[in-house]
Amino acid sequence: MPVKGTLYITGQKKPVADLTCDVFEYTDNHRPGDRYRINYEYVKRHQKVRIELIRETPMRLELEDGRRADVTVQCESTAPNGGQLGVLRVKGDFTH
Protein backbone atom coordinates (compact mmCIF):
# COMPACT_ATOMS: atom_id res chain seq x y z
CA MET A 1 0.00 0.00 0.00
CA PRO A 2 1.57 3.33 -1.01
CA VAL A 3 2.43 5.88 1.67
CA LYS A 4 3.52 9.49 1.36
CA GLY A 5 7.06 10.37 2.31
CA THR A 6 9.30 13.39 2.57
CA LEU A 7 12.98 13.13 1.64
CA TYR A 8 15.70 15.25 3.25
CA ILE A 9 19.45 15.47 2.79
CA THR A 10 20.90 14.53 6.18
CA GLY A 11 21.64 17.63 8.20
CA GLN A 12 19.32 19.92 6.22
CA LYS A 13 15.92 21.12 7.41
CA LYS A 14 14.48 21.92 3.97
CA PRO A 15 13.03 18.85 2.23
CA VAL A 16 14.31 17.73 -1.14
CA ALA A 17 11.09 16.14 -2.36
CA ASP A 18 7.71 14.67 -1.52
CA LEU A 19 7.35 11.09 -2.69
CA THR A 20 4.81 8.33 -3.02
CA CYS A 21 6.48 5.23 -1.57
CA ASP A 22 5.97 1.47 -1.56
CA VAL A 23 8.01 -0.26 1.17
CA PHE A 24 9.25 -3.82 0.56
CA GLU A 25 10.94 -6.08 3.09
CA TYR A 26 13.20 -8.88 1.89
CA THR A 27 13.87 -11.51 4.53
CA ASP A 28 15.53 -14.28 2.52
CA ASN A 29 19.32 -14.02 2.21
CA HIS A 30 19.45 -10.39 3.35
CA ARG A 31 21.34 -9.07 6.33
CA PRO A 32 19.03 -7.49 8.91
CA GLY A 33 20.44 -4.01 8.24
CA ASP A 34 20.00 -4.26 4.47
CA ARG A 35 16.61 -5.77 3.87
CA TYR A 36 14.29 -2.87 3.02
CA ARG A 37 13.81 -1.29 -0.40
CA ILE A 38 11.48 1.59 -1.17
CA ASN A 39 10.09 2.14 -4.64
CA TYR A 40 9.23 5.81 -5.04
CA GLU A 41 7.74 8.30 -7.44
CA TYR A 42 8.16 12.05 -7.17
CA VAL A 43 5.07 14.02 -6.18
CA LYS A 44 6.82 17.37 -5.79
CA ARG A 45 10.40 18.64 -5.77
CA HIS A 46 11.28 21.28 -3.18
CA GLN A 47 14.84 21.84 -4.41
CA LYS A 48 16.45 21.68 -7.81
CA VAL A 49 18.38 18.60 -6.75
CA ARG A 50 18.32 15.42 -8.79
CA ILE A 51 18.89 12.80 -6.15
CA GLU A 52 20.26 10.23 -8.58
CA LEU A 53 23.23 12.58 -9.09
CA ILE A 54 24.05 12.58 -5.39
CA ARG A 55 23.91 8.84 -4.78
CA GLU A 56 26.54 8.75 -2.06
CA THR A 57 24.90 11.54 -0.04
CA PRO A 58 23.15 10.25 3.09
CA MET A 59 19.46 11.11 3.13
CA ARG A 60 16.58 10.76 5.56
CA LEU A 61 13.10 9.62 4.62
CA GLU A 62 10.11 10.40 6.83
CA LEU A 63 6.92 8.48 6.05
CA GLU A 64 3.43 9.71 6.89
CA ASP A 65 2.89 6.78 9.27
CA GLY A 66 5.71 8.04 11.52
CA ARG A 67 8.52 5.76 10.37
CA ARG A 68 11.92 7.31 9.58
CA ALA A 69 14.97 5.80 7.94
CA ASP A 70 18.40 6.67 6.62
CA VAL A 71 18.40 5.92 2.89
CA THR A 72 20.56 6.07 -0.21
CA VAL A 73 19.53 6.07 -3.85
CA GLN A 74 19.88 2.69 -5.55
CA CYS A 75 18.56 3.72 -8.96
CA GLU A 76 16.27 6.22 -10.65
CA SER A 77 14.71 6.43 -14.10
CA THR A 78 12.13 8.33 -16.13
CA ALA A 79 8.72 6.70 -16.57
CA PRO A 80 6.89 6.75 -19.91
CA ASN A 81 4.58 9.47 -18.54
CA GLY A 82 7.61 11.68 -17.80
CA GLY A 83 7.60 11.15 -14.02
CA GLN A 84 10.65 10.10 -12.05
CA LEU A 85 10.68 6.65 -10.44
CA GLY A 86 13.36 5.03 -8.36
CA VAL A 87 14.48 2.76 -5.56
CA LEU A 88 15.83 3.83 -2.18
CA ARG A 89 17.86 1.47 -0.03
CA VAL A 90 17.22 1.66 3.70
CA LYS A 91 20.41 1.64 5.73
CA GLY A 92 19.68 -0.17 8.97
CA ASP A 93 16.10 -0.22 10.14
CA PHE A 94 13.14 2.12 10.52
CA THR A 95 12.67 4.21 13.66
CA HIS A 96 9.53 5.87 15.00
PDB file of N, CA and C in Angstrom:
ATOM      1  N   MET A   1       0.837  -1.164   0.000  1.00  0.00           N
ATOM      2  CA  MET A   1       0.000   0.000   0.000  1.00  0.00           C
ATOM      3  C   MET A   1       0.899   1.250   0.000  1.00  0.00           C
ATOM      4  N   PRO A   2       0.730   2.127  -0.932  1.00  0.00           N
ATOM      5  CA  PRO A   2       1.573   3.326  -1.007  1.00  0.00           C
ATOM      6  C   PRO A   2       1.363   4.267   0.178  1.00  0.00           C
ATOM      7  N   VAL A   3       2.459   4.867   0.620  1.00  0.00           N
ATOM      8  CA  VAL A   3       2.426   5.884   1.673  1.00  0.00           C
ATOM      9  C   VAL A   3       3.180   7.111   1.174  1.00  0.00           C
ATOM     10  N   LYS A   4       2.822   8.257   1.723  1.00  0.00           N
ATOM     11  CA  LYS A   4       3.520   9.486   1.360  1.00  0.00           C
ATOM     12  C   LYS A   4       4.777   9.607   2.205  1.00  0.00           C
ATOM     13  N   GLY A   5       5.815  10.169   1.590  1.00  0.00           N
ATOM     14  CA  GLY A   5       7.065  10.366   2.309  1.00  0.00           C
ATOM     15  C   GLY A   5       7.701  11.687   1.930  1.00  0.00           C
ATOM     16  N   THR A   6       8.543  12.178   2.822  1.00  0.00           N
ATOM     17  CA  THR A   6       9.304  13.394   2.568  1.00  0.00           C
ATOM     18  C   THR A   6      10.775  13.048   2.692  1.00  0.00           C
ATOM     19  N   LEU A   7      11.563  13.460   1.708  1.00  0.00           N
ATOM     20  CA  LEU A   7      12.975  13.132   1.644  1.00  0.00           C
ATOM     21  C   LEU A   7      13.810  14.364   1.972  1.00  0.00           C
ATOM     22  N   TYR A   8      14.797  14.185   2.836  1.00  0.00           N
ATOM     23  CA  TYR A   8      15.697  15.253   3.253  1.00  0.00           C
ATOM     24  C   TYR A   8      17.141  14.815   3.047  1.00  0.00           C
ATOM     25  N   ILE A   9      18.021  15.746   2.732  1.00  0.00           N
ATOM     26  CA  ILE A   9      19.446  15.470   2.786  1.00  0.00           C
ATOM     27  C   ILE A   9      19.813  15.554   4.261  1.00  0.00           C
ATOM     28  N   THR A  10      20.554  14.575   4.767  1.00  0.00           N
ATOM     29  CA  THR A  10      20.903  14.530   6.175  1.00  0.00           C
ATOM     30  C   THR A  10      21.585  15.830   6.593  1.00  0.00           C
ATOM     31  N   GLY A  11      21.088  16.398   7.679  1.00  0.00           N
ATOM     32  CA  GLY A  11      21.644  17.634   8.197  1.00  0.00           C
ATOM     33  C   GLY A  11      20.957  18.891   7.693  1.00  0.00           C
ATOM     34  N   GLN A  12      20.048  18.761   6.727  1.00  0.00           N
ATOM     35  CA  GLN A  12      19.321  19.918   6.223  1.00  0.00           C
ATOM     36  C   GLN A  12      17.872  19.878   6.703  1.00  0.00           C
ATOM     37  N   LYS A  13      17.305  21.049   6.945  1.00  0.00           N
ATOM     38  CA  LYS A  13      15.916  21.124   7.408  1.00  0.00           C
ATOM     39  C   LYS A  13      14.925  21.240   6.266  1.00  0.00           C
ATOM     40  N   LYS A  14      15.375  21.767   5.122  1.00  0.00           N
ATOM     41  CA  LYS A  14      14.484  21.924   3.972  1.00  0.00           C
ATOM     42  C   LYS A  14      14.384  20.594   3.215  1.00  0.00           C
ATOM     43  N   PRO A  15      13.168  20.125   2.950  1.00  0.00           N
ATOM     44  CA  PRO A  15      13.033  18.850   2.235  1.00  0.00           C
ATOM     45  C   PRO A  15      13.492  18.954   0.783  1.00  0.00           C
ATOM     46  N   VAL A  16      13.917  17.820   0.264  1.00  0.00           N
ATOM     47  CA  VAL A  16      14.314  17.734  -1.141  1.00  0.00           C
ATOM     48  C   VAL A  16      13.092  17.459  -2.010  1.00  0.00           C
ATOM     49  N   ALA A  17      12.237  16.530  -1.538  1.00  0.00           N
ATOM     50  CA  ALA A  17      11.090  16.144  -2.359  1.00  0.00           C
ATOM     51  C   ALA A  17      10.028  15.454  -1.519  1.00  0.00           C
ATOM     52  N   ASP A  18       8.794  15.498  -2.030  1.00  0.00           N
ATOM     53  CA  ASP A  18       7.706  14.671  -1.519  1.00  0.00           C
ATOM     54  C   ASP A  18       7.577  13.496  -2.471  1.00  0.00           C
ATOM     55  N   LEU A  19       7.373  12.312  -1.900  1.00  0.00           N
ATOM     56  CA  LEU A  19       7.348  11.085  -2.687  1.00  0.00           C
ATOM     57  C   LEU A  19       6.122  10.255  -2.352  1.00  0.00           C
ATOM     58  N   THR A  20       5.739   9.407  -3.290  1.00  0.00           N
ATOM     59  CA  THR A  20       4.807   8.325  -3.017  1.00  0.00           C
ATOM     60  C   THR A  20       5.664   7.067  -2.946  1.00  0.00           C
ATOM     61  N   CYS A  21       5.567   6.335  -1.837  1.00  0.00           N
ATOM     62  CA  CYS A  21       6.483   5.230  -1.573  1.00  0.00           C
ATOM     63  C   CYS A  21       5.752   3.907  -1.370  1.00  0.00           C
ATOM     64  N   ASP A  22       6.375   2.839  -1.853  1.00  0.00           N
ATOM     65  CA  ASP A  22       5.970   1.470  -1.559  1.00  0.00           C
ATOM     66  C   ASP A  22       7.148   0.821  -0.854  1.00  0.00           C
ATOM     67  N   VAL A  23       6.940   0.326   0.370  1.00  0.00           N
ATOM     68  CA  VAL A  23       8.012  -0.263   1.168  1.00  0.00           C
ATOM     69  C   VAL A  23       7.969  -1.776   1.017  1.00  0.00           C
ATOM     70  N   PHE A  24       9.132  -2.371   0.713  1.00  0.00           N
ATOM     71  CA  PHE A  24       9.252  -3.822   0.562  1.00  0.00           C
ATOM     72  C   PHE A  24      10.304  -4.339   1.524  1.00  0.00           C
ATOM     73  N   GLU A  25       9.983  -5.451   2.188  1.00  0.00           N
ATOM     74  CA  GLU A  25      10.943  -6.080   3.091  1.00  0.00           C
ATOM     75  C   GLU A  25      11.346  -7.426   2.509  1.00  0.00           C
ATOM     76  N   TYR A  26      12.652  -7.632   2.406  1.00  0.00           N
ATOM     77  CA  TYR A  26      13.199  -8.879   1.890  1.00  0.00           C
ATOM     78  C   TYR A  26      13.852  -9.607   3.047  1.00  0.00           C
ATOM     79  N   THR A  27      13.354 -10.782   3.377  1.00  0.00           N
ATOM     80  CA  THR A  27      13.874 -11.509   4.526  1.00  0.00           C
ATOM     81  C   THR A  27      14.787 -12.659   4.132  1.00  0.00           C
ATOM     82  N   ASP A  28      14.684 -13.174   2.936  1.00  0.00           N
ATOM     83  CA  ASP A  28      15.530 -14.282   2.516  1.00  0.00           C
ATOM     84  C   ASP A  28      16.887 -13.775   2.048  1.00  0.00           C
ATOM     85  N   ASN A  29      17.942 -14.313   2.628  1.00  0.00           N
ATOM     86  CA  ASN A  29      19.317 -14.024   2.206  1.00  0.00           C
ATOM     87  C   ASN A  29      19.697 -12.553   2.295  1.00  0.00           C
ATOM     88  N   HIS A  30      19.072 -11.792   3.160  1.00  0.00           N
ATOM     89  CA  HIS A  30      19.446 -10.387   3.355  1.00  0.00           C
ATOM     90  C   HIS A  30      19.855 -10.181   4.801  1.00  0.00           C
ATOM     91  N   ARG A  31      20.914  -9.418   4.979  1.00  0.00           N
ATOM     92  CA  ARG A  31      21.335  -9.071   6.332  1.00  0.00           C
ATOM     93  C   ARG A  31      20.247  -8.207   6.959  1.00  0.00           C
ATOM     94  N   PRO A  32      20.087  -8.268   8.268  1.00  0.00           N
ATOM     95  CA  PRO A  32      19.029  -7.486   8.913  1.00  0.00           C
ATOM     96  C   PRO A  32      19.108  -5.989   8.621  1.00  0.00           C
ATOM     97  N   GLY A  33      20.299  -5.435   8.487  1.00  0.00           N
ATOM     98  CA  GLY A  33      20.444  -4.005   8.239  1.00  0.00           C
ATOM     99  C   GLY A  33      20.364  -3.602   6.787  1.00  0.00           C
ATOM    100  N   ASP A  34      20.034  -4.546   5.911  1.00  0.00           N
ATOM    101  CA  ASP A  34      20.003  -4.257   4.469  1.00  0.00           C
ATOM    102  C   ASP A  34      18.858  -5.007   3.801  1.00  0.00           C
ATOM    103  N   ARG A  35      17.697  -4.952   4.422  1.00  0.00           N
ATOM    104  CA  ARG A  35      16.606  -5.767   3.870  1.00  0.00           C
ATOM    105  C   ARG A  35      15.419  -4.984   3.344  1.00  0.00           C
ATOM    106  N   TYR A  36      15.409  -3.668   3.497  1.00  0.00           N
ATOM    107  CA  TYR A  36      14.285  -2.869   3.015  1.00  0.00           C
ATOM    108  C   TYR A  36      14.643  -2.129   1.738  1.00  0.00           C
ATOM    109  N   ARG A  37      13.701  -2.100   0.812  1.00  0.00           N
ATOM    110  CA  ARG A  37      13.808  -1.288  -0.403  1.00  0.00           C
ATOM    111  C   ARG A  37      12.520  -0.488  -0.511  1.00  0.00           C
ATOM    112  N   ILE A  38      12.639   0.723  -1.024  1.00  0.00           N
ATOM    113  CA  ILE A  38      11.484   1.591  -1.167  1.00  0.00           C
ATOM    114  C   ILE A  38      11.394   2.037  -2.614  1.00  0.00           C
ATOM    115  N   ASN A  39      10.351   1.627  -3.295  1.00  0.00           N
ATOM    116  CA  ASN A  39      10.086   2.144  -4.638  1.00  0.00           C
ATOM    117  C   ASN A  39       9.388   3.479  -4.460  1.00  0.00           C
ATOM    118  N   TYR A  40       9.818   4.492  -5.216  1.00  0.00           N
ATOM    119  CA  TYR A  40       9.230   5.809  -5.041  1.00  0.00           C
ATOM    120  C   TYR A  40       8.938   6.469  -6.375  1.00  0.00           C
ATOM    121  N   GLU A  41       8.044   7.431  -6.305  1.00  0.00           N
ATOM    122  CA  GLU A  41       7.737   8.299  -7.438  1.00  0.00           C
ATOM    123  C   GLU A  41       7.632   9.713  -6.880  1.00  0.00           C
ATOM    124  N   TYR A  42       8.224  10.654  -7.604  1.00  0.00           N
ATOM    125  CA  TYR A  42       8.157  12.049  -7.168  1.00  0.00           C
ATOM    126  C   TYR A  42       6.723  12.556  -7.217  1.00  0.00           C
ATOM    127  N   VAL A  43       6.326  13.292  -6.188  1.00  0.00           N
ATOM    128  CA  VAL A  43       5.075  14.024  -6.180  1.00  0.00           C
ATOM    129  C   VAL A  43       5.395  15.496  -6.404  1.00  0.00           C
ATOM    130  N   LYS A  44       6.424  15.976  -5.681  1.00  0.00           N
ATOM    131  CA  LYS A  44       6.824  17.374  -5.790  1.00  0.00           C
ATOM    132  C   LYS A  44       8.287  17.510  -5.390  1.00  0.00           C
ATOM    133  N   ARG A  45       9.017  18.312  -6.140  1.00  0.00           N
ATOM    134  CA  ARG A  45      10.400  18.640  -5.769  1.00  0.00           C
ATOM    135  C   ARG A  45      10.403  19.975  -5.033  1.00  0.00           C
ATOM    136  N   HIS A  46      11.165  20.032  -3.945  1.00  0.00           N
ATOM    137  CA  HIS A  46      11.284  21.277  -3.184  1.00  0.00           C
ATOM    138  C   HIS A  46      12.592  21.992  -3.498  1.00  0.00           C
ATOM    139  N   GLN A  47      13.544  21.279  -4.038  1.00  0.00           N
ATOM    140  CA  GLN A  47      14.837  21.844  -4.408  1.00  0.00           C
ATOM    141  C   GLN A  47      15.157  21.383  -5.821  1.00  0.00           C
ATOM    142  N   LYS A  48      16.036  22.084  -6.468  1.00  0.00           N
ATOM    143  CA  LYS A  48      16.446  21.677  -7.812  1.00  0.00           C
ATOM    144  C   LYS A  48      17.609  20.698  -7.718  1.00  0.00           C
ATOM    145  N   VAL A  49      17.384  19.632  -6.967  1.00  0.00           N
ATOM    146  CA  VAL A  49      18.383  18.602  -6.750  1.00  0.00           C
ATOM    147  C   VAL A  49      17.872  17.320  -7.380  1.00  0.00           C
ATOM    148  N   ARG A  50      18.669  16.739  -8.233  1.00  0.00           N
ATOM    149  CA  ARG A  50      18.325  15.421  -8.788  1.00  0.00           C
ATOM    150  C   ARG A  50      19.027  14.396  -7.937  1.00  0.00           C
ATOM    151  N   ILE A  51      18.267  13.664  -7.145  1.00  0.00           N
ATOM    152  CA  ILE A  51      18.886  12.798  -6.147  1.00  0.00           C
ATOM    153  C   ILE A  51      19.709  11.672  -6.751  1.00  0.00           C
ATOM    154  N   GLU A  52      19.436  11.284  -7.981  1.00  0.00           N
ATOM    155  CA  GLU A  52      20.257  10.227  -8.575  1.00  0.00           C
ATOM    156  C   GLU A  52      21.678  10.710  -8.849  1.00  0.00           C
ATOM    157  N   LEU A  53      21.893  12.031  -8.874  1.00  0.00           N
ATOM    158  CA  LEU A  53      23.233  12.579  -9.095  1.00  0.00           C
ATOM    159  C   LEU A  53      24.022  12.706  -7.796  1.00  0.00           C
ATOM    160  N   ILE A  54      23.354  12.512  -6.669  1.00  0.00           N
ATOM    161  CA  ILE A  54      24.055  12.583  -5.386  1.00  0.00           C
ATOM    162  C   ILE A  54      23.885  11.265  -4.634  1.00  0.00           C
ATOM    163  N   ARG A  55      24.128  10.181  -5.319  1.00  0.00           N
ATOM    164  CA  ARG A  55      23.914   8.837  -4.775  1.00  0.00           C
ATOM    165  C   ARG A  55      24.591   8.573  -3.443  1.00  0.00           C
ATOM    166  N   GLU A  56      25.787   9.061  -3.271  1.00  0.00           N
ATOM    167  CA  GLU A  56      26.542   8.754  -2.063  1.00  0.00           C
ATOM    168  C   GLU A  56      26.170   9.651  -0.890  1.00  0.00           C
ATOM    169  N   THR A  57      25.299  10.621  -1.107  1.00  0.00           N
ATOM    170  CA  THR A  57      24.898  11.538  -0.041  1.00  0.00           C
ATOM    171  C   THR A  57      23.871  10.862   0.865  1.00  0.00           C
ATOM    172  N   PRO A  58      24.130  10.830   2.175  1.00  0.00           N
ATOM    173  CA  PRO A  58      23.146  10.248   3.089  1.00  0.00           C
ATOM    174  C   PRO A  58      21.877  11.095   3.108  1.00  0.00           C
ATOM    175  N   MET A  59      20.747  10.427   3.092  1.00  0.00           N
ATOM    176  CA  MET A  59      19.460  11.106   3.129  1.00  0.00           C
ATOM    177  C   MET A  59      18.572  10.484   4.190  1.00  0.00           C
ATOM    178  N   ARG A  60      17.531  11.212   4.566  1.00  0.00           N
ATOM    179  CA  ARG A  60      16.580  10.759   5.563  1.00  0.00           C
ATOM    180  C   ARG A  60      15.192  10.790   4.946  1.00  0.00           C
ATOM    181  N   LEU A  61      14.462   9.712   5.113  1.00  0.00           N
ATOM    182  CA  LEU A  61      13.096   9.621   4.620  1.00  0.00           C
ATOM    183  C   LEU A  61      12.160   9.552   5.810  1.00  0.00           C
ATOM    184  N   GLU A  62      11.143  10.419   5.803  1.00  0.00           N
ATOM    185  CA  GLU A  62      10.114  10.399   6.834  1.00  0.00           C
ATOM    186  C   GLU A  62       8.791  10.041   6.173  1.00  0.00           C
ATOM    187  N   LEU A  63       8.191   8.941   6.609  1.00  0.00           N
ATOM    188  CA  LEU A  63       6.921   8.484   6.050  1.00  0.00           C
ATOM    189  C   LEU A  63       5.763   9.026   6.870  1.00  0.00           C
ATOM    190  N   GLU A  64       4.605   9.139   6.228  1.00  0.00           N
ATOM    191  CA  GLU A  64       3.430   9.714   6.889  1.00  0.00           C
ATOM    192  C   GLU A  64       2.947   8.887   8.074  1.00  0.00           C
ATOM    193  N   ASP A  65       3.316   7.615   8.144  1.00  0.00           N
ATOM    194  CA  ASP A  65       2.892   6.777   9.266  1.00  0.00           C
ATOM    195  C   ASP A  65       3.836   6.883  10.465  1.00  0.00           C
ATOM    196  N   GLY A  66       4.822   7.804  10.393  1.00  0.00           N
ATOM    197  CA  GLY A  66       5.710   8.044  11.519  1.00  0.00           C
ATOM    198  C   GLY A  66       7.058   7.352  11.438  1.00  0.00           C
ATOM    199  N   ARG A  67       7.226   6.434  10.505  1.00  0.00           N
ATOM    200  CA  ARG A  67       8.517   5.764  10.373  1.00  0.00           C
ATOM    201  C   ARG A  67       9.541   6.695   9.737  1.00  0.00           C
ATOM    202  N   ARG A  68      10.804   6.548  10.157  1.00  0.00           N
ATOM    203  CA  ARG A  68      11.915   7.306   9.584  1.00  0.00           C
ATOM    204  C   ARG A  68      13.042   6.339   9.295  1.00  0.00           C
ATOM    205  N   ALA A  69      13.841   6.665   8.274  1.00  0.00           N
ATOM    206  CA  ALA A  69      14.970   5.803   7.941  1.00  0.00           C
ATOM    207  C   ALA A  69      16.045   6.601   7.225  1.00  0.00           C
ATOM    208  N   ASP A  70      17.291   6.158   7.411  1.00  0.00           N
ATOM    209  CA  ASP A  70      18.398   6.672   6.619  1.00  0.00           C
ATOM    210  C   ASP A  70      18.405   5.882   5.322  1.00  0.00           C
ATOM    211  N   VAL A  71      18.492   6.579   4.201  1.00  0.00           N
ATOM    212  CA  VAL A  71      18.396   5.924   2.893  1.00  0.00           C
ATOM    213  C   VAL A  71      19.481   6.433   1.949  1.00  0.00           C
ATOM    214  N   THR A  72      19.727   5.653   0.913  1.00  0.00           N
ATOM    215  CA  THR A  72      20.558   6.075  -0.211  1.00  0.00           C
ATOM    216  C   THR A  72      19.824   5.684  -1.486  1.00  0.00           C
ATOM    217  N   VAL A  73      20.160   6.354  -2.566  1.00  0.00           N
ATOM    218  CA  VAL A  73      19.529   6.067  -3.852  1.00  0.00           C
ATOM    219  C   VAL A  73      20.176   4.831  -4.454  1.00  0.00           C
ATOM    220  N   GLN A  74      19.352   3.869  -4.854  1.00  0.00           N
ATOM    221  CA  GLN A  74      19.876   2.691  -5.548  1.00  0.00           C
ATOM    222  C   GLN A  74      19.811   2.915  -7.048  1.00  0.00           C
ATOM    223  N   CYS A  75      18.684   3.405  -7.537  1.00  0.00           N
ATOM    224  CA  CYS A  75      18.563   3.720  -8.963  1.00  0.00           C
ATOM    225  C   CYS A  75      17.384   4.660  -9.160  1.00  0.00           C
ATOM    226  N   GLU A  76      17.370   5.328 -10.301  1.00  0.00           N
ATOM    227  CA  GLU A  76      16.268   6.218 -10.654  1.00  0.00           C
ATOM    228  C   GLU A  76      16.155   6.242 -12.166  1.00  0.00           C
ATOM    229  N   SER A  77      14.932   6.376 -12.655  1.00  0.00           N
ATOM    230  CA  SER A  77      14.711   6.435 -14.098  1.00  0.00           C
ATOM    231  C   SER A  77      13.470   7.264 -14.406  1.00  0.00           C
ATOM    232  N   THR A  78      13.287   7.564 -15.672  1.00  0.00           N
ATOM    233  CA  THR A  78      12.130   8.328 -16.126  1.00  0.00           C
ATOM    234  C   THR A  78      11.068   7.359 -16.630  1.00  0.00           C
ATOM    235  N   ALA A  79       9.844   7.538 -16.152  1.00  0.00           N
ATOM    236  CA  ALA A  79       8.719   6.699 -16.568  1.00  0.00           C
ATOM    237  C   ALA A  79       8.209   7.172 -17.922  1.00  0.00           C
ATOM    238  N   PRO A  80       7.450   6.337 -18.625  1.00  0.00           N
ATOM    239  CA  PRO A  80       6.893   6.749 -19.911  1.00  0.00           C
ATOM    240  C   PRO A  80       6.030   8.014 -19.846  1.00  0.00           C
ATOM    241  N   ASN A  81       5.412   8.270 -18.679  1.00  0.00           N
ATOM    242  CA  ASN A  81       4.583   9.471 -18.543  1.00  0.00           C
ATOM    243  C   ASN A  81       5.409  10.713 -18.189  1.00  0.00           C
ATOM    244  N   GLY A  82       6.733  10.556 -18.102  1.00  0.00           N
ATOM    245  CA  GLY A  82       7.613  11.681 -17.802  1.00  0.00           C
ATOM    246  C   GLY A  82       7.943  11.848 -16.333  1.00  0.00           C
ATOM    247  N   GLY A  83       7.317  11.076 -15.459  1.00  0.00           N
ATOM    248  CA  GLY A  83       7.604  11.148 -14.022  1.00  0.00           C
ATOM    249  C   GLY A  83       8.908  10.445 -13.682  1.00  0.00           C
ATOM    250  N   GLN A  84       9.427  10.731 -12.515  1.00  0.00           N
ATOM    251  CA  GLN A  84      10.653  10.102 -12.049  1.00  0.00           C
ATOM    252  C   GLN A  84      10.313   8.998 -11.054  1.00  0.00           C
ATOM    253  N   LEU A  85      10.857   7.811 -11.296  1.00  0.00           N
ATOM    254  CA  LEU A  85      10.678   6.648 -10.442  1.00  0.00           C
ATOM    255  C   LEU A  85      12.036   6.188  -9.962  1.00  0.00           C
ATOM    256  N   GLY A  86      12.076   5.538  -8.816  1.00  0.00           N
ATOM    257  CA  GLY A  86      13.355   5.033  -8.359  1.00  0.00           C
ATOM    258  C   GLY A  86      13.222   4.086  -7.189  1.00  0.00           C
ATOM    259  N   VAL A  87      14.393   3.675  -6.696  1.00  0.00           N
ATOM    260  CA  VAL A  87      14.476   2.762  -5.564  1.00  0.00           C
ATOM    261  C   VAL A  87      15.437   3.350  -4.546  1.00  0.00           C
ATOM    262  N   LEU A  88      14.987   3.413  -3.296  1.00  0.00           N
ATOM    263  CA  LEU A  88      15.826   3.827  -2.184  1.00  0.00           C
ATOM    264  C   LEU A  88      16.184   2.593  -1.375  1.00  0.00           C
ATOM    265  N   ARG A  89      17.386   2.567  -0.878  1.00  0.00           N
ATOM    266  CA  ARG A  89      17.859   1.473  -0.034  1.00  0.00           C
ATOM    267  C   ARG A  89      17.896   1.976   1.409  1.00  0.00           C
ATOM    268  N   VAL A  90      17.236   1.274   2.305  1.00  0.00           N
ATOM    269  CA  VAL A  90      17.221   1.661   3.704  1.00  0.00           C
ATOM    270  C   VAL A  90      18.477   1.125   4.370  1.00  0.00           C
ATOM    271  N   LYS A  91      19.202   2.019   5.011  1.00  0.00           N
ATOM    272  CA  LYS A  91      20.409   1.637   5.728  1.00  0.00           C
ATOM    273  C   LYS A  91      20.053   1.401   7.187  1.00  0.00           C
ATOM    274  N   GLY A  92      20.080   0.168   7.603  1.00  0.00           N
ATOM    275  CA  GLY A  92      19.684  -0.169   8.970  1.00  0.00           C
ATOM    276  C   GLY A  92      18.223  -0.531   9.035  1.00  0.00           C
ATOM    277  N   ASP A  93      17.512   0.116   9.922  1.00  0.00           N
ATOM    278  CA  ASP A  93      16.104  -0.216  10.136  1.00  0.00           C
ATOM    279  C   ASP A  93      15.310   1.079  10.292  1.00  0.00           C
ATOM    280  N   PHE A  94      14.008   0.966  10.295  1.00  0.00           N
ATOM    281  CA  PHE A  94      13.138   2.119  10.521  1.00  0.00           C
ATOM    282  C   PHE A  94      13.101   2.471  12.001  1.00  0.00           C
ATOM    283  N   THR A  95      12.919   3.754  12.291  1.00  0.00           N
ATOM    284  CA  THR A  95      12.674   4.209  13.658  1.00  0.00           C
ATOM    285  C   THR A  95      11.340   4.921  13.681  1.00  0.00           C
ATOM    286  N   HIS A  96      10.812   5.146  14.856  1.00  0.00           N
ATOM    287  CA  HIS A  96       9.530   5.872  14.999  1.00  0.00           C
ATOM    288  C   HIS A  96       9.735   7.156  15.725  1.00  0.00           C
TER     289      HIS A  96
END
